[in-house]
Amino acid sequence: MSLEAAQHSDTGRPLRPFAARQVAVLGAALAALLTALSGRYGYHRDELYFRVAGDHLAAGYVDQPPLTPLLARLSTTLFGDTVMGLRVVSTLTCVAGVVVVALIARELGGGRRAQVFAAACTAVSSVILVNGHLVSTATFDIFLWLLISLFTLRLLRTGDGRWYLAVGAAAGIGVLNKYLVGLLLFGVLVSVLVVGPRRVLRSWWPVAGALVALALAAPNLWWQAAHGWPQLTIAVGISAEDGAENRALFVPLQFVYLSPVFVPVLVAGARRLWRDPDIRWARPFGLAYPLLAVLVLAIGGKAYYVIPLLIVVLAAGAAPAVRWAASRRKPGARRWALPALVLVAAAVNVVASLPVLPPTSLNLINGMNKEQGEQVGWPELTAAVATAWRGIPAERRDQAVIFTQNYGEAGAIARYGPEHGLPGPYSGHMSFADWGAPPDSATGPVVLVHYPSNRTIGRHFTDCRPVATVDNGHGLENDEQGTVVQLCAGTDAPWSAIWPDLRRYY
């Protein structure tokens, strides 16, 4: 029998029954946990940005494609313009991702117990809990990577080229969320070319799938091209700024983003993808993960970029882990080993990833997961800005402007400012710069909001004096603690003249 034939010799085997009831119960429990905690603390800075971006729907933005702002707008429209309403879409996406992982374990020959174990490990992993709690581009990126992996595994297992259409559709939607999906497609394609089964490439179906993806992604690609590919400019800048730190943390975070206690399952999954003859057709996923890990490490990308592929490896390890636990050798100890792994991971990751602790205790967590701290202090920041605004004589407020250093500050003022009678803020950061500069008739005063370390932001503003300092009230040392609010007389030139210099991409 030839290698190509051997790789497809098992494709006629029926899949194991799907553990629909057990996975549904697990998904419902996860949804209940995320919903119960979704209103605790407050918005993340990125969520405040997405909320405003959702009011400026477009085919693209300088720093991202349009899907996440669109979904944020949809969630607040359907479920209310609150923290909880915004996060419903993330909760649903997270739960759907856990179901997809169970289906991946099934695709790889796992029975009901393996499916439930793979889904449970995923549900309690820190990367899923963090991104299921918050609205972020990573939330939907992880789900789409997992969905593409499921469709690709089905394609490799059956050899049915029609699955390219599903892969192409998911990839096209993925491009509308984050261009990182191209990494996954590249990694899997190279891996198939190296280890097979190469026969799945010998038809017109790959071209058809690519055309579907291109058709879906075309509006955003056109927008980026028409605007000079600003997202690439941002990506290069962020990599240059954070690349060294990303490389240093890449390897340890591969384990932290899931859980260190899952390492034995990951090892079993990696070995199985390479050595199990029953799933030889899935070997490309055994190569794609290390291949992309090396690539992301080389370019200084963030550690979470390749985590979805590591979850696929975890799903592959679920079946041997369940077989090990069911072994007659030391049955008492092994019977409880897998539930114990899940419970230990859940106990640690829930505290580190979700808003369980009081905000006054968050400094303990912030070093590991700064996203927790990013959800605290935005109403207090807005109140500090309101203090400066009230210092402006009423007759001059028509010509006054609130200008912020970053989109989180601007997003917070846009959300909480109306409660204080504040006008809409302006910022030169990311797409806020595209949503308009103040009119030249706005000659001042200017309320200027910025980090105390930023000594250059005030170069175009005159006669500035500090009015307030942001204190989140919890002693939490997050990025906005100590932010300075200044009141300036005006600008040294019309807004239209200084706006290009105030623009900042990262």
Protein backbone atom coordinates (compact mmCIF):
# COMPACT_ATOMS: atom_id res chain seq x y z
CA MET A 1 0.00 0.00 0.00
CA SER A 2 1.35 3.43 -0.92
CA LEU A 3 1.84 6.18 1.62
CA GLU A 4 -0.98 8.24 0.13
CA ALA A 5 -3.33 5.26 0.30
CA ALA A 6 -2.28 4.48 3.85
CA GLN A 7 -3.00 8.04 4.88
CA HIS A 8 -6.59 7.65 3.76
CA SER A 9 -7.16 4.01 4.60
CA ASP A 10 -9.25 4.90 7.68
CA THR A 11 -11.39 7.67 6.18
CA GLY A 12 -14.35 5.34 5.78
CA ARG A 13 -14.53 4.65 9.51
CA PRO A 14 -17.57 6.25 11.14
CA LEU A 15 -17.00 8.90 13.74
CA ARG A 16 -17.79 8.18 17.35
CA PRO A 17 -21.14 9.51 18.65
CA PHE A 18 -21.01 13.14 19.67
CA ALA A 19 -21.32 13.83 23.41
CA ALA A 20 -23.91 16.52 22.73
CA ARG A 21 -25.64 16.43 26.11
CA GLN A 22 -22.47 16.49 28.19
CA VAL A 23 -20.86 19.21 26.08
CA ALA A 24 -24.06 21.26 26.23
CA VAL A 25 -24.06 21.05 30.03
CA LEU A 26 -20.40 22.08 30.12
CA GLY A 27 -21.09 24.99 27.76
CA ALA A 28 -24.07 26.11 29.84
CA ALA A 29 -21.96 26.06 33.01
CA LEU A 30 -19.26 28.13 31.32
CA ALA A 31 -21.84 30.61 30.00
CA ALA A 32 -23.34 30.93 33.48
CA LEU A 33 -19.92 31.61 35.03
CA LEU A 34 -18.96 34.23 32.44
CA THR A 35 -22.36 35.92 32.62
CA ALA A 36 -22.30 36.04 36.42
CA LEU A 37 -18.95 37.85 36.34
CA SER A 38 -19.33 39.92 33.18
CA GLY A 39 -20.63 43.01 34.97
CA ARG A 40 -17.99 43.02 37.68
CA TYR A 41 -15.21 45.66 37.45
CA GLY A 42 -15.93 47.50 34.19
CA TYR A 43 -15.00 47.95 30.54
CA HIS A 44 -11.56 47.10 29.22
CA ARG A 45 -9.90 49.95 27.28
CA ASP A 46 -10.23 47.99 24.02
CA GLU A 47 -13.94 47.46 24.66
CA LEU A 48 -14.42 51.20 25.10
CA TYR A 49 -12.69 51.65 21.74
CA PHE A 50 -14.77 48.97 20.00
CA ARG A 51 -17.92 50.53 21.39
CA VAL A 52 -17.10 53.85 19.69
CA ALA A 53 -15.85 52.11 16.54
CA GLY A 54 -19.22 50.37 16.35
CA ASP A 55 -20.78 53.82 15.98
CA HIS A 56 -18.43 54.47 13.02
CA LEU A 57 -18.96 51.26 11.06
CA ALA A 58 -16.67 50.98 8.07
CA ALA A 59 -15.05 48.36 5.84
CA GLY A 60 -11.85 48.79 7.84
CA TYR A 61 -9.96 50.74 10.46
CA VAL A 62 -6.31 51.68 10.64
CA ASP A 63 -5.60 49.05 13.29
CA GLN A 64 -8.09 46.28 12.55
CA PRO A 65 -10.65 44.86 10.13
CA PRO A 66 -14.34 45.57 10.79
CA LEU A 67 -15.72 42.39 12.39
CA THR A 68 -15.06 43.03 16.09
CA PRO A 69 -16.56 46.57 16.13
CA LEU A 70 -19.53 45.22 14.14
CA LEU A 71 -20.12 42.41 16.65
CA ALA A 72 -19.72 44.86 19.54
CA ARG A 73 -22.38 47.08 17.97
CA LEU A 74 -24.65 44.07 17.41
CA SER A 75 -24.25 42.89 21.00
CA THR A 76 -25.05 46.28 22.55
CA THR A 77 -27.99 46.76 20.19
CA LEU A 78 -29.52 43.42 21.12
CA PHE A 79 -28.57 43.18 24.80
CA GLY A 80 -28.11 46.76 25.96
CA ASP A 81 -25.36 49.37 26.02
CA THR A 82 -23.83 48.06 29.23
CA VAL A 83 -20.74 46.07 30.13
CA MET A 84 -22.83 42.91 30.38
CA GLY A 85 -24.70 43.62 27.15
CA LEU A 86 -21.46 44.19 25.24
CA ARG A 87 -19.94 40.94 26.48
CA VAL A 88 -22.78 38.60 25.53
CA VAL A 89 -21.21 38.08 22.10
CA SER A 90 -17.91 37.07 23.70
CA THR A 91 -19.60 34.61 26.02
CA LEU A 92 -21.45 32.97 23.14
CA THR A 93 -18.31 32.82 21.00
CA CYS A 94 -16.32 31.28 23.85
CA VAL A 95 -18.94 28.59 24.43
CA ALA A 96 -19.11 27.87 20.69
CA GLY A 97 -15.33 27.45 20.65
CA VAL A 98 -15.52 24.85 23.42
CA VAL A 99 -18.09 22.92 21.38
CA VAL A 100 -15.81 23.08 18.33
CA VAL A 101 -12.94 21.62 20.39
CA ALA A 102 -15.17 18.69 21.37
CA LEU A 103 -15.91 18.18 17.67
CA ILE A 104 -12.18 18.30 16.89
CA ALA A 105 -11.54 15.59 19.49
CA ARG A 106 -14.31 13.56 17.85
CA GLU A 107 -12.81 14.14 14.41
CA LEU A 108 -9.56 12.75 15.74
CA GLY A 109 -11.26 9.54 16.83
CA GLY A 110 -12.13 10.46 20.40
CA GLY A 111 -15.18 8.99 22.06
CA ARG A 112 -17.60 10.78 24.35
CA ARG A 113 -15.22 10.88 27.32
CA ALA A 114 -12.37 12.24 25.23
CA GLN A 115 -14.65 14.88 23.73
CA VAL A 116 -15.86 16.04 27.13
CA PHE A 117 -12.33 16.03 28.56
CA ALA A 118 -10.98 18.08 25.65
CA ALA A 119 -13.88 20.54 25.95
CA ALA A 120 -13.43 20.81 29.74
CA CYS A 121 -9.68 21.48 29.45
CA THR A 122 -10.40 24.19 26.91
CA ALA A 123 -13.19 25.74 28.97
CA VAL A 124 -10.96 26.21 32.03
CA SER A 125 -7.87 27.39 30.13
CA SER A 126 -6.84 30.95 30.91
CA VAL A 127 -6.80 32.10 27.27
CA ILE A 128 -10.42 31.02 26.79
CA LEU A 129 -11.60 32.50 30.09
CA VAL A 130 -9.89 35.85 29.46
CA ASN A 131 -11.17 36.17 25.91
CA GLY A 132 -14.59 34.82 26.79
CA HIS A 133 -14.94 37.49 29.45
CA LEU A 134 -13.79 40.40 27.27
CA VAL A 135 -14.65 41.57 23.78
CA SER A 136 -11.40 41.47 21.84
CA THR A 137 -10.21 40.60 18.36
CA ALA A 138 -8.52 37.55 19.91
CA THR A 139 -11.91 36.29 21.13
CA PHE A 140 -13.16 35.76 17.61
CA ASP A 141 -9.74 34.92 16.18
CA ILE A 142 -9.36 31.91 18.47
CA PHE A 143 -12.81 30.66 17.58
CA LEU A 144 -12.23 31.05 13.84
CA TRP A 145 -8.85 29.30 14.00
CA LEU A 146 -10.52 26.39 15.79
CA LEU A 147 -13.36 26.31 13.27
CA ILE A 148 -10.94 26.34 10.32
CA SER A 149 -8.97 23.55 12.02
CA LEU A 150 -12.13 21.47 12.36
CA PHE A 151 -13.06 21.95 8.71
CA THR A 152 -9.49 21.22 7.60
CA LEU A 153 -9.33 18.03 9.66
CA ARG A 154 -12.59 16.90 8.07
CA LEU A 155 -11.10 17.67 4.66
CA LEU A 156 -7.93 15.73 5.41
CA ARG A 157 -9.82 12.78 6.88
CA THR A 158 -12.38 12.38 4.12
CA GLY A 159 -10.52 13.77 1.12
CA ASP A 160 -13.76 15.52 0.14
CA GLY A 161 -12.68 18.72 -1.60
CA ARG A 162 -16.00 20.42 -0.95
CA TRP A 163 -14.76 21.14 2.56
CA TYR A 164 -12.47 23.73 0.98
CA LEU A 165 -15.55 25.93 0.61
CA ALA A 166 -16.16 25.81 4.36
CA VAL A 167 -12.48 26.46 5.04
CA GLY A 168 -12.53 29.39 2.61
CA ALA A 169 -15.68 30.88 4.14
CA ALA A 170 -14.29 30.68 7.68
CA ALA A 171 -10.94 32.07 6.51
CA GLY A 172 -12.61 34.97 4.70
CA ILE A 173 -14.56 35.87 7.82
CA GLY A 174 -11.35 35.45 9.79
CA VAL A 175 -9.60 38.04 7.63
CA LEU A 176 -12.45 40.43 8.44
CA ASN A 177 -11.47 40.05 12.08
CA LYS A 178 -7.69 39.69 12.16
CA TYR A 179 -5.11 39.03 9.45
CA LEU A 180 -3.43 36.43 11.66
CA VAL A 181 -5.66 33.80 10.10
CA GLY A 182 -3.25 33.90 7.18
CA LEU A 183 -0.62 32.38 9.49
CA LEU A 184 -2.83 29.36 10.09
CA LEU A 185 -3.48 28.83 6.38
CA PHE A 186 0.22 29.18 5.61
CA GLY A 187 1.25 26.78 8.36
CA VAL A 188 -1.23 24.07 7.41
CA LEU A 189 -0.48 24.38 3.68
CA VAL A 190 3.28 24.05 4.21
CA SER A 191 2.70 21.14 6.57
CA VAL A 192 0.51 19.30 4.06
CA LEU A 193 3.17 19.81 1.39
CA VAL A 194 5.82 18.39 3.72
CA VAL A 195 4.04 15.43 5.35
CA GLY A 196 0.90 14.94 3.23
CA PRO A 197 -1.71 13.96 2.40
CA ARG A 198 -0.82 15.96 -0.71
CA ARG A 199 -3.59 14.51 -2.79
CA VAL A 200 -6.07 16.91 -1.18
CA LEU A 201 -4.30 19.68 -3.14
CA ARG A 202 -4.76 18.00 -6.53
CA SER A 203 -8.05 19.49 -7.64
CA TRP A 204 -9.75 22.78 -8.31
CA TRP A 205 -11.38 22.80 -4.88
CA PRO A 206 -8.48 24.65 -3.21
CA VAL A 207 -8.87 27.41 -5.80
CA ALA A 208 -12.61 27.53 -5.17
CA GLY A 209 -12.01 27.85 -1.42
CA ALA A 210 -9.47 30.61 -1.97
CA LEU A 211 -11.95 32.52 -4.14
CA VAL A 212 -14.62 32.27 -1.44
CA ALA A 213 -12.17 33.62 1.12
CA LEU A 214 -11.08 36.43 -1.18
CA ALA A 215 -14.67 37.42 -1.98
CA LEU A 216 -15.53 37.73 1.71
CA ALA A 217 -12.32 39.57 2.62
CA ALA A 218 -12.27 41.85 -0.43
CA PRO A 219 -14.04 44.90 1.08
CA ASN A 220 -11.54 45.16 3.90
CA LEU A 221 -8.53 44.44 1.71
CA TRP A 222 -9.72 47.15 -0.67
CA TRP A 223 -10.12 49.59 2.23
CA GLN A 224 -6.62 48.87 3.52
CA ALA A 225 -5.10 49.20 0.05
CA ALA A 226 -6.92 52.48 -0.54
CA HIS A 227 -5.56 53.85 2.76
CA GLY A 228 -1.96 52.71 2.26
CA TRP A 229 -2.13 49.53 4.40
CA PRO A 230 -2.01 51.32 7.77
CA GLN A 231 -2.55 48.06 9.65
CA LEU A 232 0.80 46.79 8.42
CA THR A 233 2.42 50.01 9.65
CA ILE A 234 0.92 49.43 13.08
CA ALA A 235 1.94 45.75 13.13
CA VAL A 236 5.55 46.59 12.28
CA GLY A 237 5.64 49.31 14.92
CA ILE A 238 4.18 47.13 17.66
CA SER A 239 6.58 44.30 16.79
CA ALA A 240 9.54 46.68 16.99
CA GLU A 241 8.34 48.07 20.30
CA ASP A 242 7.31 44.82 22.02
CA GLY A 243 9.23 42.18 20.06
CA ALA A 244 11.95 41.54 22.66
CA GLU A 245 9.44 41.09 25.49
CA ASN A 246 7.24 38.87 23.32
CA ARG A 247 10.18 36.60 22.51
CA ALA A 248 11.22 36.33 26.15
CA LEU A 249 7.72 35.36 27.28
CA PHE A 250 6.73 33.23 24.29
CA VAL A 251 7.65 29.77 25.60
CA PRO A 252 6.41 30.10 29.20
CA LEU A 253 3.15 31.66 28.05
CA GLN A 254 2.45 28.66 25.82
CA PHE A 255 1.83 26.75 29.04
CA VAL A 256 0.31 29.58 31.06
CA TYR A 257 -2.32 30.34 28.41
CA LEU A 258 -3.72 26.83 28.82
CA SER A 259 -2.43 25.51 32.13
CA PRO A 260 0.86 23.93 33.17
CA VAL A 261 -1.04 20.90 34.48
CA PHE A 262 -2.10 20.06 30.92
CA VAL A 263 1.47 19.46 29.76
CA PRO A 264 1.14 15.63 29.89
CA VAL A 265 -1.97 15.83 27.70
CA LEU A 266 -0.17 18.11 25.24
CA VAL A 267 2.77 15.72 25.04
CA ALA A 268 0.39 12.83 24.43
CA GLY A 269 -1.37 14.84 21.71
CA ALA A 270 1.86 15.76 19.94
CA ARG A 271 3.06 12.14 20.00
CA ARG A 272 -0.28 10.90 18.74
CA LEU A 273 -0.43 13.34 15.82
CA TRP A 274 2.97 12.10 14.69
CA ARG A 275 2.77 8.39 15.46
CA ASP A 276 -0.83 7.16 15.51
CA PRO A 277 -1.48 5.38 12.17
CA ASP A 278 -5.24 5.78 12.64
CA ILE A 279 -4.96 9.55 12.30
CA ARG A 280 -1.95 9.79 10.03
CA TRP A 281 -3.94 12.15 7.82
CA ALA A 282 -3.91 14.66 10.74
CA ARG A 283 -0.12 14.79 10.91
CA PRO A 284 0.01 18.29 9.31
CA PHE A 285 -1.34 19.68 12.58
CA GLY A 286 1.52 18.03 14.42
CA LEU A 287 3.93 20.03 12.26
CA ALA A 288 1.93 23.25 11.87
CA TYR A 289 2.07 24.17 15.54
CA PRO A 290 5.88 24.03 15.99
CA LEU A 291 6.37 25.57 12.56
CA LEU A 292 4.23 28.60 13.36
CA ALA A 293 5.59 28.82 16.90
CA VAL A 294 9.11 29.23 15.51
CA LEU A 295 7.88 31.77 12.95
CA VAL A 296 5.98 33.88 15.50
CA LEU A 297 8.92 33.72 17.89
CA ALA A 298 11.25 34.93 15.13
CA ILE A 299 9.09 37.92 14.21
CA GLY A 300 8.43 38.87 17.83
CA GLY A 301 4.70 38.16 17.72
CA LYS A 302 2.56 37.61 20.78
CA ALA A 303 2.45 34.19 22.39
CA TYR A 304 -1.31 33.77 22.04
CA TYR A 305 -1.13 33.91 18.23
CA VAL A 306 -0.56 30.14 17.95
CA ILE A 307 -2.53 28.98 20.98
CA PRO A 308 -5.51 27.72 18.91
CA LEU A 309 -3.21 25.19 17.26
CA LEU A 310 -1.96 24.15 20.69
CA ILE A 311 -5.59 23.55 21.66
CA VAL A 312 -5.88 21.21 18.66
CA VAL A 313 -2.85 19.32 20.01
CA LEU A 314 -4.61 19.20 23.39
CA ALA A 315 -7.72 17.76 21.72
CA ALA A 316 -5.55 15.10 20.09
CA GLY A 317 -4.18 14.15 23.49
CA ALA A 318 -7.62 13.73 25.05
CA ALA A 319 -8.18 10.18 23.73
CA PRO A 320 -4.88 8.71 25.04
CA ALA A 321 -5.40 10.54 28.34
CA VAL A 322 -8.83 8.95 28.73
CA ARG A 323 -7.43 5.53 27.82
CA TRP A 324 -4.67 5.97 30.40
CA ALA A 325 -7.17 6.94 33.07
CA ALA A 326 -9.34 3.91 32.26
CA SER A 327 -6.41 1.49 32.49
CA ARG A 328 -6.80 -1.35 34.98
CA ARG A 329 -3.39 -0.54 36.39
CA LYS A 330 -3.92 1.54 39.53
CA PRO A 331 -7.59 2.18 38.61
CA GLY A 332 -8.42 4.08 41.80
CA ALA A 333 -5.72 6.74 41.41
CA ARG A 334 -6.11 7.13 37.67
CA ARG A 335 -9.88 7.38 37.80
CA TRP A 336 -9.70 10.78 39.45
CA ALA A 337 -6.56 12.06 37.74
CA LEU A 338 -8.25 13.79 34.80
CA PRO A 339 -11.01 15.48 36.83
CA ALA A 340 -8.30 16.62 39.24
CA LEU A 341 -6.33 18.20 36.38
CA VAL A 342 -9.39 20.13 35.24
CA LEU A 343 -10.28 21.25 38.76
CA VAL A 344 -6.74 22.44 39.55
CA ALA A 345 -6.55 24.36 36.27
CA ALA A 346 -10.00 25.85 36.88
CA ALA A 347 -9.16 26.96 40.43
CA VAL A 348 -6.03 28.80 39.33
CA ASN A 349 -7.25 30.17 36.00
CA VAL A 350 -10.60 31.47 37.20
CA VAL A 351 -8.89 33.62 39.83
CA ALA A 352 -6.14 34.79 37.46
CA SER A 353 -8.40 35.36 34.45
CA LEU A 354 -11.78 36.52 35.71
CA PRO A 355 -12.90 39.37 38.02
CA VAL A 356 -13.20 37.28 41.16
CA LEU A 357 -10.98 39.21 43.58
CA PRO A 358 -11.92 42.66 44.90
CA PRO A 359 -10.25 45.46 42.91
CA THR A 360 -8.11 46.35 45.94
CA SER A 361 -6.38 42.95 45.61
CA LEU A 362 -5.74 43.14 41.88
CA ASN A 363 -2.09 44.15 42.18
CA LEU A 364 -1.44 40.49 43.03
CA ILE A 365 -2.86 39.43 39.66
CA ASN A 366 -1.92 42.38 37.48
CA GLY A 367 1.64 41.18 36.97
CA MET A 368 0.35 37.97 35.36
CA ASN A 369 -2.76 39.30 33.66
CA LYS A 370 -2.79 43.05 33.15
CA GLU A 371 -6.13 42.80 31.36
CA GLN A 372 -7.75 42.53 34.79
CA GLY A 373 -6.42 45.92 35.84
CA GLU A 374 -7.42 47.48 32.53
CA GLN A 375 -11.07 47.10 33.57
CA VAL A 376 -10.81 49.37 36.62
CA GLY A 377 -10.81 53.17 36.94
CA TRP A 378 -12.55 54.48 33.81
CA PRO A 379 -15.43 56.25 35.61
CA GLU A 380 -12.87 57.84 37.93
CA LEU A 381 -10.83 59.05 34.96
CA THR A 382 -13.93 60.62 33.44
CA ALA A 383 -14.77 62.28 36.75
CA ALA A 384 -11.28 63.82 36.84
CA VAL A 385 -11.81 65.19 33.33
CA ALA A 386 -15.16 66.59 34.44
CA THR A 387 -13.39 68.47 37.23
CA ALA A 388 -11.23 70.22 34.63
CA TRP A 389 -14.22 70.91 32.40
CA ARG A 390 -16.11 72.62 35.18
CA GLY A 391 -13.15 74.97 35.54
CA ILE A 392 -13.89 76.41 32.09
CA PRO A 393 -16.23 79.41 32.12
CA ALA A 394 -19.62 78.47 30.70
CA GLU A 395 -19.41 81.11 27.96
CA ARG A 396 -16.17 79.57 26.62
CA ARG A 397 -17.20 75.92 26.54
CA ASP A 398 -18.51 76.15 22.97
CA GLN A 399 -14.92 76.65 21.83
CA ALA A 400 -13.40 74.15 24.27
CA VAL A 401 -12.05 70.67 23.41
CA ILE A 402 -11.22 67.50 25.33
CA PHE A 403 -8.15 65.82 23.82
CA THR A 404 -6.76 62.48 25.05
CA GLN A 405 -3.52 60.60 24.56
CA ASN A 406 -5.11 57.23 23.78
CA TYR A 407 -8.29 55.55 22.64
CA GLY A 408 -9.02 54.06 26.06
CA GLU A 409 -9.23 57.51 27.65
CA ALA A 410 -11.31 58.82 24.75
CA GLY A 411 -13.58 55.77 24.85
CA ALA A 412 -14.14 56.18 28.58
CA ILE A 413 -15.11 59.84 28.19
CA ALA A 414 -17.42 58.94 25.29
CA ARG A 415 -19.12 56.36 27.53
CA TYR A 416 -19.28 58.14 30.89
CA GLY A 417 -18.90 61.76 29.83
CA PRO A 418 -22.60 62.47 29.13
CA GLU A 419 -23.33 61.75 32.81
CA HIS A 420 -21.08 64.73 33.63
CA GLY A 421 -22.28 66.96 30.80
CA LEU A 422 -19.04 66.50 28.84
CA PRO A 423 -18.84 66.86 25.05
CA GLY A 424 -17.45 64.13 22.81
CA PRO A 425 -13.67 63.69 23.16
CA TYR A 426 -11.01 63.83 20.46
CA SER A 427 -7.84 61.81 20.15
CA GLY A 428 -5.11 61.29 17.58
CA HIS A 429 -4.71 57.64 18.56
CA MET A 430 -5.56 54.86 16.07
CA SER A 431 -8.89 55.31 14.29
CA PHE A 432 -10.03 58.09 16.62
CA ALA A 433 -7.87 60.32 14.44
CA ASP A 434 -9.98 59.37 11.39
CA TRP A 435 -13.24 60.22 13.11
CA GLY A 436 -12.43 63.88 12.90
CA ALA A 437 -10.29 66.68 14.27
CA PRO A 438 -11.84 69.51 16.27
CA PRO A 439 -13.01 72.39 14.12
CA ASP A 440 -10.62 75.29 13.74
CA SER A 441 -13.24 77.44 15.43
CA ALA A 442 -12.52 75.51 18.66
CA THR A 443 -9.81 77.89 19.81
CA GLY A 444 -9.73 76.74 23.41
CA PRO A 445 -9.49 76.06 26.23
CA VAL A 446 -8.30 72.46 25.87
CA VAL A 447 -8.62 69.74 28.51
CA LEU A 448 -5.55 67.57 27.88
CA VAL A 449 -5.44 63.99 29.21
CA HIS A 450 -2.19 62.03 29.14
CA TYR A 451 0.25 59.80 31.00
CA PRO A 452 2.65 61.72 33.26
CA SER A 453 5.56 60.14 31.37
CA ASN A 454 4.42 61.64 28.08
CA ARG A 455 6.44 64.86 27.88
CA THR A 456 5.85 65.53 24.18
CA ILE A 457 2.08 65.55 23.87
CA GLY A 458 1.79 69.13 25.10
CA ARG A 459 4.05 70.66 22.47
CA HIS A 460 1.15 72.15 20.51
CA PHE A 461 -0.82 73.33 23.55
CA THR A 462 -0.27 76.65 25.33
CA ASP A 463 -0.33 77.74 28.97
CA CYS A 464 -1.11 74.31 30.39
CA ARG A 465 -1.56 73.71 34.10
CA PRO A 466 -2.41 70.49 35.94
CA VAL A 467 -5.95 70.36 37.29
CA ALA A 468 -6.46 66.75 38.38
CA THR A 469 -4.71 63.41 38.69
CA VAL A 470 -6.58 60.18 38.10
CA ASP A 471 -6.97 57.91 41.12
CA ASN A 472 -8.98 54.73 40.60
CA GLY A 473 -9.69 54.59 44.34
CA HIS A 474 -8.45 51.02 44.75
CA GLY A 475 -4.71 51.55 44.92
CA LEU A 476 -4.40 49.60 41.67
CA GLU A 477 -1.27 50.32 39.66
CA ASN A 478 -2.71 50.04 36.17
CA ASP A 479 -1.81 52.09 33.10
CA GLU A 480 -4.17 54.97 33.85
CA GLN A 481 -3.40 55.35 37.55
CA GLY A 482 -1.81 58.78 37.92
CA THR A 483 -2.91 60.00 34.49
CA VAL A 484 -2.63 63.78 34.33
CA VAL A 485 -5.52 66.08 33.40
CA GLN A 486 -4.37 69.54 32.35
CA LEU A 487 -6.26 72.67 31.37
CA CYS A 488 -4.61 74.55 28.51
CA ALA A 489 -5.43 77.96 27.09
CA GLY A 490 -5.49 76.67 23.50
CA THR A 491 -3.28 75.48 20.65
CA ASP A 492 -0.33 77.10 18.93
CA ALA A 493 -1.94 76.68 15.50
CA PRO A 494 -5.34 75.72 14.03
CA TRP A 495 -6.39 72.10 14.66
CA SER A 496 -6.28 71.31 10.95
CA ALA A 497 -2.61 72.30 10.87
CA ILE A 498 -1.46 70.35 13.91
CA TRP A 499 -3.69 67.28 13.48
CA PRO A 500 -1.23 65.26 11.34
CA ASP A 501 1.41 65.74 14.04
CA LEU A 502 -1.01 64.67 16.77
CA ARG A 503 -1.84 61.42 15.00
CA ARG A 504 -0.34 58.31 16.64
CA TYR A 505 -0.65 54.72 15.44
CA TYR A 506 0.77 52.86 18.47
